[in-house]
Amino acid sequence: MSSVTPSIVNNNEQQQQQQQQQQPSGELYHSPSTIRNASNSGGDNEVDALIEEKNRLIARQYAEIERLQRELSEIIEERDTLLCEVSKFKFELNDD
């Protein structure tokens, strides 16, 4: 039981580091007016680049969501296991 807890702590530290590395910079936000202006000025390449940036950001966020969902499932499973153990110990104590 105690061998699982350090791995969770290590995973949390790793996740925080990964989140800091994956934080989008302010440069990735472009308002609709910025995109319109680029389009109106004949900057199709600029619009394509903005769209590509957004797609990469969405892909990274989607991967992060999937990773967090897997981690949450593992944590829920561990919680349920621990709750079962606690219930078992309570039952054993009451039985004595």
N, C-alpha and C. Protein backbone atom coordinates (compact mmCIF):
# COMPACT_ATOMS: atom_id res chain seq x y z
N MET A 1 0.83 -1.19 0.00
CA MET A 1 0.00 0.00 0.00
C MET A 1 0.87 1.25 0.00
N SER A 2 1.92 1.30 0.83
CA SER A 2 2.77 2.48 0.89
C SER A 2 3.67 2.59 -0.34
N SER A 3 3.90 1.49 -1.04
CA SER A 3 4.75 1.56 -2.23
C SER A 3 4.05 2.28 -3.38
N VAL A 4 2.73 2.35 -3.34
CA VAL A 4 1.98 3.02 -4.39
C VAL A 4 2.03 4.53 -4.22
N THR A 5 1.99 5.01 -2.99
CA THR A 5 1.93 6.44 -2.72
C THR A 5 3.13 7.20 -3.27
N PRO A 6 4.38 6.76 -3.07
CA PRO A 6 5.50 7.50 -3.64
C PRO A 6 5.43 7.62 -5.15
N SER A 7 4.92 6.59 -5.82
CA SER A 7 4.83 6.69 -7.28
C SER A 7 3.82 7.75 -7.68
N ILE A 8 2.76 7.90 -6.90
CA ILE A 8 1.77 8.95 -7.20
C ILE A 8 2.41 10.31 -7.01
N VAL A 9 3.16 10.48 -5.93
CA VAL A 9 3.83 11.76 -5.69
C VAL A 9 4.79 12.06 -6.82
N ASN A 10 5.59 11.07 -7.23
CA ASN A 10 6.52 11.27 -8.33
C ASN A 10 5.79 11.60 -9.62
N ASN A 11 4.67 10.91 -9.87
CA ASN A 11 3.89 11.19 -11.07
C ASN A 11 3.34 12.60 -11.04
N ASN A 12 2.88 13.06 -9.87
CA ASN A 12 2.36 14.41 -9.77
C ASN A 12 3.44 15.44 -10.05
N GLU A 13 4.64 15.21 -9.54
CA GLU A 13 5.75 16.13 -9.81
C GLU A 13 6.09 16.14 -11.29
N GLN A 14 6.10 14.97 -11.90
CA GLN A 14 6.39 14.89 -13.33
C GLN A 14 5.31 15.60 -14.14
N GLN A 15 4.06 15.44 -13.73
CA GLN A 15 2.97 16.07 -14.45
C GLN A 15 3.07 17.58 -14.37
N GLN A 16 3.40 18.09 -13.19
CA GLN A 16 3.52 19.53 -13.04
C GLN A 16 4.63 20.06 -13.93
N GLN A 17 5.74 19.35 -14.02
CA GLN A 17 6.83 19.78 -14.88
C GLN A 17 6.39 19.74 -16.34
N GLN A 18 5.67 18.70 -16.74
CA GLN A 18 5.21 18.59 -18.11
C GLN A 18 4.21 19.69 -18.44
N GLN A 19 3.33 19.99 -17.49
CA GLN A 19 2.35 21.04 -17.72
C GLN A 19 3.03 22.38 -17.91
N GLN A 20 4.06 22.65 -17.11
CA GLN A 20 4.78 23.91 -17.25
C GLN A 20 5.46 23.98 -18.61
N GLN A 21 5.98 22.87 -19.08
CA GLN A 21 6.64 22.86 -20.38
C GLN A 21 5.64 23.00 -21.51
N GLN A 22 4.42 22.50 -21.31
CA GLN A 22 3.43 22.51 -22.37
C GLN A 22 2.51 23.72 -22.32
N GLN A 23 2.73 24.60 -21.36
CA GLN A 23 1.89 25.79 -21.26
C GLN A 23 2.02 26.58 -22.56
N PRO A 24 0.90 26.90 -23.18
CA PRO A 24 1.00 27.68 -24.41
C PRO A 24 1.45 29.10 -24.09
N SER A 25 2.28 29.62 -24.95
CA SER A 25 2.73 30.99 -24.76
C SER A 25 1.64 31.92 -25.27
N GLY A 26 1.72 33.17 -24.90
CA GLY A 26 0.74 34.15 -25.33
C GLY A 26 0.74 34.33 -26.84
N GLU A 27 1.81 33.92 -27.50
CA GLU A 27 1.91 34.09 -28.94
C GLU A 27 0.92 33.22 -29.69
N LEU A 28 0.43 32.17 -29.06
CA LEU A 28 -0.48 31.26 -29.76
C LEU A 28 -1.90 31.81 -29.85
N TYR A 29 -2.21 32.82 -29.06
CA TYR A 29 -3.56 33.37 -29.11
C TYR A 29 -3.63 34.44 -30.18
N HIS A 30 -4.51 34.27 -31.12
CA HIS A 30 -4.75 35.26 -32.15
C HIS A 30 -6.24 35.49 -32.22
N SER A 31 -6.63 36.73 -32.06
CA SER A 31 -8.05 37.04 -32.08
C SER A 31 -8.59 36.88 -33.50
N PRO A 32 -9.91 36.74 -33.62
CA PRO A 32 -10.49 36.64 -34.97
C PRO A 32 -10.14 37.84 -35.84
N SER A 33 -10.01 39.03 -35.22
CA SER A 33 -9.66 40.21 -36.01
C SER A 33 -8.25 40.09 -36.57
N THR A 34 -7.34 39.48 -35.81
CA THR A 34 -5.97 39.28 -36.29
C THR A 34 -5.99 38.36 -37.51
N ILE A 35 -6.78 37.31 -37.43
CA ILE A 35 -6.87 36.38 -38.55
C ILE A 35 -7.53 37.05 -39.74
N ARG A 36 -8.59 37.85 -39.51
CA ARG A 36 -9.26 38.56 -40.59
C ARG A 36 -8.30 39.53 -41.27
N ASN A 37 -7.54 40.29 -40.46
CA ASN A 37 -6.60 41.25 -41.02
C ASN A 37 -5.55 40.55 -41.86
N ALA A 38 -5.06 39.41 -41.40
CA ALA A 38 -4.07 38.67 -42.17
C ALA A 38 -4.68 38.19 -43.48
N SER A 39 -5.93 37.77 -43.42
CA SER A 39 -6.61 37.28 -44.61
C SER A 39 -6.86 38.41 -45.60
N ASN A 40 -7.30 39.57 -45.09
CA ASN A 40 -7.59 40.71 -45.95
C ASN A 40 -6.34 41.28 -46.59
N SER A 41 -5.21 41.14 -45.94
CA SER A 41 -3.98 41.70 -46.49
C SER A 41 -3.31 40.73 -47.45
N GLY A 42 -4.02 39.70 -47.85
CA GLY A 42 -3.46 38.75 -48.79
C GLY A 42 -2.52 37.77 -48.13
N GLY A 43 -2.58 37.67 -46.81
CA GLY A 43 -1.66 36.79 -46.08
C GLY A 43 -2.24 35.42 -45.88
N ASP A 44 -2.56 34.73 -46.98
CA ASP A 44 -3.09 33.37 -46.85
C ASP A 44 -2.11 32.47 -46.12
N ASN A 45 -0.83 32.69 -46.35
CA ASN A 45 0.18 31.89 -45.66
C ASN A 45 0.12 32.14 -44.16
N GLU A 46 -0.14 33.41 -43.79
CA GLU A 46 -0.24 33.74 -42.37
C GLU A 46 -1.44 33.05 -41.74
N VAL A 47 -2.56 33.07 -42.44
CA VAL A 47 -3.77 32.42 -41.94
C VAL A 47 -3.53 30.92 -41.81
N ASP A 48 -2.91 30.33 -42.81
CA ASP A 48 -2.60 28.89 -42.75
C ASP A 48 -1.69 28.59 -41.57
N ALA A 49 -0.71 29.46 -41.33
CA ALA A 49 0.22 29.26 -40.21
C ALA A 49 -0.53 29.36 -38.89
N LEU A 50 -1.45 30.33 -38.78
CA LEU A 50 -2.24 30.48 -37.55
C LEU A 50 -3.12 29.25 -37.33
N ILE A 51 -3.73 28.78 -38.39
CA ILE A 51 -4.58 27.59 -38.28
C ILE A 51 -3.75 26.38 -37.87
N GLU A 52 -2.57 26.25 -38.45
CA GLU A 52 -1.69 25.13 -38.11
C GLU A 52 -1.26 25.21 -36.65
N GLU A 53 -0.96 26.42 -36.17
CA GLU A 53 -0.60 26.60 -34.75
C GLU A 53 -1.75 26.16 -33.85
N LYS A 54 -2.95 26.59 -34.21
CA LYS A 54 -4.13 26.23 -33.41
C LYS A 54 -4.34 24.71 -33.41
N ASN A 55 -4.16 24.09 -34.56
CA ASN A 55 -4.31 22.64 -34.64
C ASN A 55 -3.30 21.92 -33.76
N ARG A 56 -2.06 22.40 -33.76
CA ARG A 56 -1.03 21.78 -32.90
C ARG A 56 -1.39 21.97 -31.43
N LEU A 57 -1.86 23.15 -31.07
CA LEU A 57 -2.26 23.42 -29.70
C LEU A 57 -3.40 22.49 -29.28
N ILE A 58 -4.39 22.36 -30.14
CA ILE A 58 -5.53 21.48 -29.85
C ILE A 58 -5.06 20.04 -29.70
N ALA A 59 -4.16 19.59 -30.56
CA ALA A 59 -3.65 18.22 -30.48
C ALA A 59 -2.92 17.99 -29.17
N ARG A 60 -2.10 18.97 -28.73
CA ARG A 60 -1.39 18.84 -27.46
C ARG A 60 -2.37 18.80 -26.30
N GLN A 61 -3.38 19.67 -26.35
CA GLN A 61 -4.37 19.70 -25.27
C GLN A 61 -5.16 18.40 -25.23
N TYR A 62 -5.51 17.85 -26.37
CA TYR A 62 -6.24 16.59 -26.43
C TYR A 62 -5.41 15.46 -25.84
N ALA A 63 -4.13 15.42 -26.19
CA ALA A 63 -3.24 14.39 -25.63
C ALA A 63 -3.13 14.54 -24.12
N GLU A 64 -3.06 15.77 -23.65
CA GLU A 64 -2.98 16.03 -22.21
C GLU A 64 -4.26 15.58 -21.51
N ILE A 65 -5.40 15.84 -22.11
CA ILE A 65 -6.69 15.42 -21.54
C ILE A 65 -6.75 13.90 -21.44
N GLU A 66 -6.33 13.21 -22.51
CA GLU A 66 -6.34 11.75 -22.48
C GLU A 66 -5.41 11.21 -21.39
N ARG A 67 -4.23 11.81 -21.25
CA ARG A 67 -3.28 11.38 -20.23
C ARG A 67 -3.86 11.59 -18.84
N LEU A 68 -4.48 12.74 -18.63
CA LEU A 68 -5.07 13.04 -17.33
C LEU A 68 -6.24 12.10 -17.02
N GLN A 69 -7.01 11.75 -18.04
CA GLN A 69 -8.11 10.81 -17.82
C GLN A 69 -7.59 9.44 -17.41
N ARG A 70 -6.50 9.00 -18.06
CA ARG A 70 -5.90 7.71 -17.67
C ARG A 70 -5.40 7.77 -16.24
N GLU A 71 -4.73 8.87 -15.90
CA GLU A 71 -4.21 9.01 -14.54
C GLU A 71 -5.34 9.04 -13.52
N LEU A 72 -6.41 9.76 -13.84
CA LEU A 72 -7.55 9.82 -12.94
C LEU A 72 -8.15 8.44 -12.73
N SER A 73 -8.24 7.66 -13.78
CA SER A 73 -8.77 6.29 -13.65
C SER A 73 -7.90 5.46 -12.71
N GLU A 74 -6.58 5.61 -12.84
CA GLU A 74 -5.67 4.88 -11.95
C GLU A 74 -5.86 5.31 -10.50
N ILE A 75 -6.00 6.61 -10.29
CA ILE A 75 -6.16 7.13 -8.93
C ILE A 75 -7.49 6.67 -8.34
N ILE A 76 -8.54 6.68 -9.15
CA ILE A 76 -9.85 6.21 -8.68
C ILE A 76 -9.77 4.73 -8.31
N GLU A 77 -9.08 3.96 -9.13
CA GLU A 77 -8.92 2.53 -8.83
C GLU A 77 -8.16 2.33 -7.53
N GLU A 78 -7.10 3.11 -7.34
CA GLU A 78 -6.33 3.00 -6.09
C GLU A 78 -7.18 3.42 -4.89
N ARG A 79 -7.94 4.50 -5.05
CA ARG A 79 -8.82 4.95 -3.97
C ARG A 79 -9.82 3.87 -3.59
N ASP A 80 -10.43 3.25 -4.59
CA ASP A 80 -11.41 2.20 -4.33
C ASP A 80 -10.77 1.01 -3.61
N THR A 81 -9.56 0.67 -4.01
CA THR A 81 -8.84 -0.43 -3.35
C THR A 81 -8.58 -0.09 -1.90
N LEU A 82 -8.14 1.14 -1.65
CA LEU A 82 -7.86 1.56 -0.28
C LEU A 82 -9.13 1.60 0.57
N LEU A 83 -10.23 2.05 -0.02
CA LEU A 83 -11.50 2.06 0.71
C LEU A 83 -11.94 0.65 1.07
N CYS A 84 -11.71 -0.28 0.17
CA CYS A 84 -12.05 -1.69 0.46
C CYS A 84 -11.20 -2.21 1.61
N GLU A 85 -9.92 -1.87 1.59
CA GLU A 85 -9.03 -2.32 2.67
C GLU A 85 -9.46 -1.72 4.01
N VAL A 86 -9.82 -0.44 4.00
CA VAL A 86 -10.27 0.21 5.23
C VAL A 86 -11.53 -0.46 5.74
N SER A 87 -12.46 -0.73 4.85
CA SER A 87 -13.70 -1.41 5.26
C SER A 87 -13.41 -2.78 5.84
N LYS A 88 -12.48 -3.48 5.22
CA LYS A 88 -12.10 -4.81 5.71
C LYS A 88 -11.51 -4.70 7.11
N PHE A 89 -10.61 -3.73 7.33
CA PHE A 89 -10.00 -3.55 8.65
C PHE A 89 -11.05 -3.16 9.69
N LYS A 90 -11.98 -2.31 9.32
CA LYS A 90 -13.04 -1.92 10.25
C LYS A 90 -13.87 -3.14 10.64
N PHE A 91 -14.18 -3.96 9.64
CA PHE A 91 -14.96 -5.16 9.90
C PHE A 91 -14.21 -6.09 10.84
N GLU A 92 -12.91 -6.26 10.59
CA GLU A 92 -12.09 -7.13 11.45
C GLU A 92 -12.02 -6.58 12.87
N LEU A 93 -11.93 -5.27 13.03
CA LEU A 93 -11.89 -4.67 14.36
C LEU A 93 -13.21 -4.85 15.09
N ASN A 94 -14.30 -4.69 14.38
CA ASN A 94 -15.62 -4.84 14.99
C ASN A 94 -15.92 -6.30 15.30
N ASP A 95 -15.33 -7.19 14.55
CA ASP A 95 -15.56 -8.62 14.74
C ASP A 95 -14.90 -9.13 16.02
N ASP A 96 -13.80 -8.47 16.41
CA ASP A 96 -13.07 -8.91 17.62
C ASP A 96 -13.81 -8.49 18.82
